[in-house]
């Protein structure tokens, strides 16, 4: 097993070892609220580090065309096994930092949860480059950002929402709103913030 979180082998070993502390056992309650709110019109969405695909399938059931990305083979296989024929998602086993060029500028939404905290903090500039490159003008970044104030080491690595906002703002995204969601799962309440940004 490698100890480098930038490699698929690291995450594949974690999936095989279990239990996976980042999985909630279902869709994220905050995203459930957003999907049902009508605030976001259905469109093309991409989900980095999609894991078992619970959030991706949630938005697909609400009419979004969802591409779920994960580079761990076990995660991709699990998403295939859980496909909902009535609301299928596109499953892409790939490295977020090496996505096909054909995906640039075509998405209405990037849905972020736990992925930015899983990658080496040194790669966050590159992460922001990918987010900005995938979104079309008017596209939105929906991020539930955390863990805020995590202890040293990782993953998960500590995430400061202000830092992610600044990185995306430098790439042409403007902040629409941010909130401390009251419906965060109990173990994450107060250590994650919802951020919505739009690409100009």
Foldseek 3Di string as FASTA:
>chain_A
DDPALQDLVNVLVDVVVDDDPQDPPAAFPVLLCVLPVPPDDAEEEEEEQCFLPRSVQSNLVSPHAYEYEAQHPVRLVNNVVVADVVRGYHYHNDRLLDDDLVQFQGTQEYEEDQPCQSHDVVCLLSVLVSRLRRHHAFHKYKYFDDQAPDDPDDVRHGDDVVVSQVSNVVSAKAWDDKAQDPRGPPVRRPRTMITMIGHD
